[in-house]
């Protein structure tokens, strides 16, 4: 929301939509691995694999976004000198 403060409701709706899509996709993929005959514990391993993929994606996107940005430094105000000409 910090990237689009004027459209907070649109950003919130997009986040909720992405969550719902991921939730339904996880259920679908879990059903697929069970129906493929991999057993009832296979959705657990699939979930772990998907979580790992999400972590890798988050790290890569964070590193890519931060590349080229100035490092965060603490602002220390400097005293102003009054020069009279």
C-alpha atoms as a PDB file:
ATOM      1  CA  UNK A   1       0.000   0.000   0.000  1.00  0.00           C
ATOM      2  CA  UNK A   2       2.971   2.291   0.418  1.00  0.00           C
ATOM      3  CA  UNK A   3       3.570   2.155  -3.347  1.00  0.00           C
ATOM      4  CA  UNK A   4       0.054   3.363  -4.189  1.00  0.00           C
ATOM      5  CA  UNK A   5      -1.295   5.437  -1.272  1.00  0.00           C
ATOM      6  CA  UNK A   6      -3.981   7.065  -3.423  1.00  0.00           C
ATOM      7  CA  UNK A   7      -5.444   3.679  -4.404  1.00  0.00           C
ATOM      8  CA  UNK A   8      -5.407   1.842  -1.080  1.00  0.00           C
ATOM      9  CA  UNK A   9      -8.760   0.166  -1.687  1.00  0.00           C
ATOM     10  CA  UNK A  10      -7.650  -1.140  -5.089  1.00  0.00           C
ATOM     11  CA  UNK A  11      -4.411  -2.495  -3.611  1.00  0.00           C
ATOM     12  CA  UNK A  12      -6.350  -4.137  -0.778  1.00  0.00           C
ATOM     13  CA  UNK A  13      -8.726  -5.781  -3.260  1.00  0.00           C
ATOM     14  CA  UNK A  14      -5.802  -7.033  -5.356  1.00  0.00           C
ATOM     15  CA  UNK A  15      -4.130  -8.562  -2.286  1.00  0.00           C
ATOM     16  CA  UNK A  16      -7.363 -10.313  -1.293  1.00  0.00           C
ATOM     17  CA  UNK A  17      -7.840 -11.587  -4.850  1.00  0.00           C
ATOM     18  CA  UNK A  18      -4.301 -12.950  -4.967  1.00  0.00           C
ATOM     19  CA  UNK A  19      -4.862 -14.696  -1.624  1.00  0.00           C
ATOM     20  CA  UNK A  20      -8.079 -16.307  -2.883  1.00  0.00           C
ATOM     21  CA  UNK A  21      -6.453 -17.437  -6.129  1.00  0.00           C
ATOM     22  CA  UNK A  22      -3.511 -18.956  -4.239  1.00  0.00           C
ATOM     23  CA  UNK A  23      -5.889 -20.678  -1.820  1.00  0.00           C
ATOM     24  CA  UNK A  24      -7.921 -22.285  -4.603  1.00  0.00           C
ATOM     25  CA  UNK A  25      -4.796 -23.212  -6.563  1.00  0.00           C
ATOM     26  CA  UNK A  26      -3.330 -24.913  -3.494  1.00  0.00           C
ATOM     27  CA  UNK A  27      -6.489 -26.975  -3.000  1.00  0.00           C
ATOM     28  CA  UNK A  28      -6.530 -27.921  -6.678  1.00  0.00           C
ATOM     29  CA  UNK A  29      -2.875 -28.954  -6.726  1.00  0.00           C
ATOM     30  CA  UNK A  30      -3.326 -30.886  -3.479  1.00  0.00           C
ATOM     31  CA  UNK A  31      -6.178 -32.812  -5.059  1.00  0.00           C
ATOM     32  CA  UNK A  32      -4.083 -33.470  -8.146  1.00  0.00           C
ATOM     33  CA  UNK A  33      -1.218 -35.064  -6.235  1.00  0.00           C
ATOM     34  CA  UNK A  34      -3.622 -37.235  -4.232  1.00  0.00           C
ATOM     35  CA  UNK A  35      -5.468 -38.369  -7.356  1.00  0.00           C
ATOM     36  CA  UNK A  36      -2.127 -39.105  -9.025  1.00  0.00           C
ATOM     37  CA  UNK A  37      -1.669 -41.813  -6.408  1.00  0.00           C
ATOM     38  CA  UNK A  38       1.103 -40.133  -4.413  1.00  0.00           C
ATOM     39  CA  UNK A  39      -0.677 -40.648  -1.092  1.00  0.00           C
ATOM     40  CA  UNK A  40      -2.352 -38.487   1.486  1.00  0.00           C
ATOM     41  CA  UNK A  41       0.890 -36.981   2.747  1.00  0.00           C
ATOM     42  CA  UNK A  42       1.847 -35.683  -0.693  1.00  0.00           C
ATOM     43  CA  UNK A  43      -0.039 -32.366  -0.271  1.00  0.00           C
ATOM     44  CA  UNK A  44       2.192 -31.621   2.721  1.00  0.00           C
ATOM     45  CA  UNK A  45       5.316 -32.002   0.597  1.00  0.00           C
ATOM     46  CA  UNK A  46       3.729 -30.028  -2.224  1.00  0.00           C
ATOM     47  CA  UNK A  47       2.871 -27.232   0.230  1.00  0.00           C
ATOM     48  CA  UNK A  48       6.448 -27.183   1.502  1.00  0.00           C
ATOM     49  CA  UNK A  49       7.731 -27.008  -2.065  1.00  0.00           C
ATOM     50  CA  UNK A  50       5.357 -24.163  -2.929  1.00  0.00           C
ATOM     51  CA  UNK A  51       6.351 -22.280   0.242  1.00  0.00           C
ATOM     52  CA  UNK A  52      10.010 -22.661  -0.680  1.00  0.00           C
ATOM     53  CA  UNK A  53       9.287 -21.392  -4.190  1.00  0.00           C
ATOM     54  CA  UNK A  54       7.488 -18.382  -2.689  1.00  0.00           C
ATOM     55  CA  UNK A  55      10.434 -17.673  -0.403  1.00  0.00           C
ATOM     56  CA  UNK A  56      12.890 -17.816  -3.307  1.00  0.00           C
ATOM     57  CA  UNK A  57      10.645 -15.526  -5.342  1.00  0.00           C
ATOM     58  CA  UNK A  58      10.365 -13.036  -2.458  1.00  0.00           C
ATOM     59  CA  UNK A  59      14.140 -12.964  -1.944  1.00  0.00           C
ATOM     60  CA  UNK A  60      14.842 -12.493  -5.658  1.00  0.00           C
ATOM     61  CA  UNK A  61      12.238  -9.736  -6.031  1.00  0.00           C
ATOM     62  CA  UNK A  62      13.471  -7.942  -2.912  1.00  0.00           C
ATOM     63  CA  UNK A  63      17.063  -8.077  -4.103  1.00  0.00           C
ATOM     64  CA  UNK A  64      16.059  -6.889  -7.573  1.00  0.00           C
ATOM     65  CA  UNK A  65      13.957  -4.045  -6.192  1.00  0.00           C
ATOM     66  CA  UNK A  66      16.657  -2.841  -3.813  1.00  0.00           C
ATOM     67  CA  UNK A  67      19.405  -2.932  -6.436  1.00  0.00           C
ATOM     68  CA  UNK A  68      20.227   0.557  -7.575  1.00  0.00           C
ATOM     69  CA  UNK A  69      18.569   2.268  -4.634  1.00  0.00           C
ATOM     70  CA  UNK A  70      20.570   4.419  -2.280  1.00  0.00           C
ATOM     71  CA  UNK A  71      21.276   2.823   1.080  1.00  0.00           C
ATOM     72  CA  UNK A  72      19.097   3.943   3.951  1.00  0.00           C
ATOM     73  CA  UNK A  73      21.004   6.343   6.178  1.00  0.00           C
ATOM     74  CA  UNK A  74      19.938   8.275   9.208  1.00  0.00           C
ATOM     75  CA  UNK A  75      19.323  11.960   8.518  1.00  0.00           C
ATOM     76  CA  UNK A  76      21.438  14.225  10.692  1.00  0.00           C
ATOM     77  CA  UNK A  77      20.620  17.903  10.248  1.00  0.00           C
ATOM     78  CA  UNK A  78      23.609  20.162   9.735  1.00  0.00           C
ATOM     79  CA  UNK A  79      23.757  23.596  11.344  1.00  0.00           C
ATOM     80  CA  UNK A  80      22.882  26.419   8.986  1.00  0.00           C
ATOM     81  CA  UNK A  81      25.366  29.251   8.706  1.00  0.00           C
ATOM     82  CA  UNK A  82      24.027  32.713   8.026  1.00  0.00           C
ATOM     83  CA  UNK A  83      26.176  34.436   5.438  1.00  0.00           C
ATOM     84  CA  UNK A  84      25.585  38.086   4.805  1.00  0.00           C
ATOM     85  CA  UNK A  85      26.847  39.524   1.616  1.00  0.00           C
END
